[in-house]
Amino acid sequence: MQQGASIILTYLKLVNMTNLRNCLDTASIYVGTYAKYNNGSLFRKWLNLSDYSDHDSLLTAMYELHKDEQDPEFLLSNYEGCSLFEKLG
């Protein structure tokens, strides 16, 4: 095992998993696109990560939100919730 991976695993043992799960349950991202932003539009929406069962369902929601663009390039301009490093045991 590489030294960096060992340090990460040691750190994860310190994380209070209940706090981490609560953190992930309340995390959200503010999703827009670069095209809209570059054209002066501030059209974005907060998406709660707990509303989606996996990566694919989140991406589907993001594409649905910006279905007016042929190939949207997503801009995640903000987030709410916690960072792994804020949730020590």
Protein backbone atom coordinates (compact mmCIF):
# COMPACT_ATOMS: atom_id res chain seq x y z
CA MET A 1 0.00 0.00 0.00
CA GLN A 2 1.28 3.45 -0.85
CA GLN A 3 2.00 5.81 2.03
CA GLY A 4 -0.63 8.34 0.88
CA ALA A 5 -3.35 5.68 0.83
CA SER A 6 -2.33 4.57 4.32
CA ILE A 7 -2.66 8.13 5.63
CA ILE A 8 -6.13 8.45 4.08
CA LEU A 9 -7.27 5.15 5.59
CA THR A 10 -5.97 6.23 9.00
CA TYR A 11 -7.86 9.52 8.66
CA LEU A 12 -11.09 7.78 7.66
CA LYS A 13 -10.94 5.72 10.84
CA LEU A 14 -11.21 9.01 12.75
CA VAL A 15 -14.35 10.14 10.94
CA ASN A 16 -17.59 9.77 12.85
CA MET A 17 -19.61 7.84 10.28
CA THR A 18 -22.96 9.03 11.65
CA ASN A 19 -21.94 12.64 11.11
CA LEU A 20 -20.63 11.78 7.66
CA ARG A 21 -23.91 10.12 6.64
CA ASN A 22 -25.89 13.10 7.98
CA CYS A 23 -23.59 15.40 6.02
CA LEU A 24 -24.15 13.52 2.78
CA ASP A 25 -27.91 13.48 3.38
CA THR A 26 -27.97 17.29 3.41
CA ALA A 27 -25.41 18.04 0.67
CA SER A 28 -26.57 19.94 -2.41
CA ILE A 29 -25.01 21.48 -5.51
CA TYR A 30 -25.95 24.58 -7.51
CA VAL A 31 -26.04 23.51 -11.17
CA GLY A 32 -25.88 25.76 -14.21
CA THR A 33 -24.02 25.62 -17.51
CA TYR A 34 -21.09 27.55 -18.90
CA ALA A 35 -23.07 28.52 -22.02
CA LYS A 36 -25.84 30.14 -19.99
CA TYR A 37 -23.34 31.86 -17.70
CA ASN A 38 -21.31 33.17 -20.65
CA ASN A 39 -24.51 34.52 -22.24
CA GLY A 40 -25.48 36.40 -19.08
CA SER A 41 -28.07 33.94 -17.76
CA LEU A 42 -28.05 33.10 -14.09
CA PHE A 43 -30.43 30.16 -14.58
CA ARG A 44 -29.32 27.53 -12.08
CA LYS A 45 -30.95 25.21 -9.59
CA TRP A 46 -30.05 23.63 -6.27
CA LEU A 47 -30.08 19.83 -6.45
CA ASN A 48 -30.11 17.86 -3.20
CA LEU A 49 -27.80 14.88 -3.58
CA SER A 50 -29.97 12.74 -1.30
CA ASP A 51 -32.75 12.94 -3.92
CA TYR A 52 -30.73 10.75 -6.29
CA SER A 53 -29.92 7.09 -5.84
CA ASP A 54 -26.73 7.16 -7.89
CA HIS A 55 -24.50 9.15 -10.24
CA ASP A 56 -26.60 8.33 -13.31
CA SER A 57 -29.84 9.58 -11.79
CA LEU A 58 -28.14 12.83 -10.76
CA LEU A 59 -26.77 13.32 -14.29
CA THR A 60 -30.20 12.60 -15.74
CA ALA A 61 -31.67 15.38 -13.58
CA MET A 62 -28.90 17.77 -14.61
CA TYR A 63 -29.50 17.06 -18.30
CA GLU A 64 -33.26 17.43 -17.83
CA LEU A 65 -32.74 20.79 -16.12
CA HIS A 66 -30.72 22.03 -19.10
CA LYS A 67 -32.52 20.17 -21.89
CA ASP A 68 -32.66 23.41 -23.90
CA GLU A 69 -28.94 22.93 -24.68
CA GLN A 70 -27.72 20.29 -27.12
CA ASP A 71 -24.61 19.32 -25.15
CA PRO A 72 -24.57 21.19 -21.82
CA GLU A 73 -21.26 21.77 -20.08
CA PHE A 74 -22.24 21.84 -16.43
CA LEU A 75 -21.10 24.57 -14.10
CA LEU A 76 -21.29 23.65 -10.42
CA SER A 77 -21.00 27.13 -9.02
CA ASN A 78 -21.70 26.42 -5.37
CA TYR A 79 -22.41 23.69 -2.86
CA GLU A 80 -23.96 23.36 0.55
CA GLY A 81 -23.35 20.71 3.12
CA CYS A 82 -20.14 19.63 4.67
CA SER A 83 -16.70 18.55 3.74
CA LEU A 84 -15.24 15.24 4.85
CA PHE A 85 -12.55 17.22 6.66
CA GLU A 86 -15.15 19.12 8.73
CA LYS A 87 -16.59 15.93 10.19
CA LEU A 88 -13.97 14.50 12.50
CA GLY A 89 -15.18 12.03 15.13
